Amino acid sequence: MAKLYWRYGVMGSGKSAQVAIVAHNYRQVGQPTLLIKPRLDSRSAAIASRIGQLAVDADVICDPGDDLYQVIETRRRGVSTGGSGPDVATVPSSLPATDGSRLAAVIVDEAQFLTAAQIDQLFLVAVELDVPVLCYGLRADYRGDLWPATARLFALAHDICELKMVCHCGRKAMFTHRLPGADTGELVVMGGSEAYDALCAEHFLAEAIYHHSLSDALATEGLPKGTSVAADS
């Protein structure tokens, strides 16, 4: 049986680079893959990394209401649903048709922007269609709260692995922190190093922008607010 894989990390941990590398490795040996990204990542139709300028084109760009199980099943049956590029959550006609046995993997970038229902659909793809699904994305938002999709991935994924990153102090980075100049009050602000950095627990707690639920939780446990908490090394 195929598996649902969940690869998560903070900003700058090389998630999109891994997507490009994994897709290249499959395709280099003639194994077709289907690359999916949410439309909410509106920067481009490509899956691009700042590491070595790695990039690969997405095959499918999906919206929250799209049934990814149906999209992937259509791809397995080798049925093209029209279109010349990744503009809708269907398989573009430019993709070669393959029989079901030859779809080697589904690879999803920015998986945190999917819905919980779409994660359920990807789980069924792995279990029922026997197609491996590899999801890459952020564990939590800039406030330190899980995205609905990532919470579901932690619940359903067969295989979970963290992609490591370091804070500026040298400790393990655990949180994606939004820089003051990029804070618009919106939950989703697309951007790279100009908008976000990766922080350890201690430096994340020291910032004034983050959601205060963490400080409240510390106080509830009998620790005074402002207590310095060191990250794992």
Foldseek 3Di string as FASTA:
>chain_A
DAFEEEEAEAAPLCQLVVLLVVCCVCVVVPFAEAEEEECVLVPDQWSFDPVVGRIDGHQEYEYQPDQLLVQVVCQQCQHFPEDCGHPYRHGYPPDGHDHNVRHAAYEYEQQLPYALVNLVSQLCCCVVSVHHYYYYHYQAFQQRHGRNNNVSCVVRGPHYDYRWDAAPVGHTFDHKHFDPVQDPVDRDDDDHPVTIDTHFPQVSLVDDPHDCPVQVVCVVVVHHRPDGDGGHD
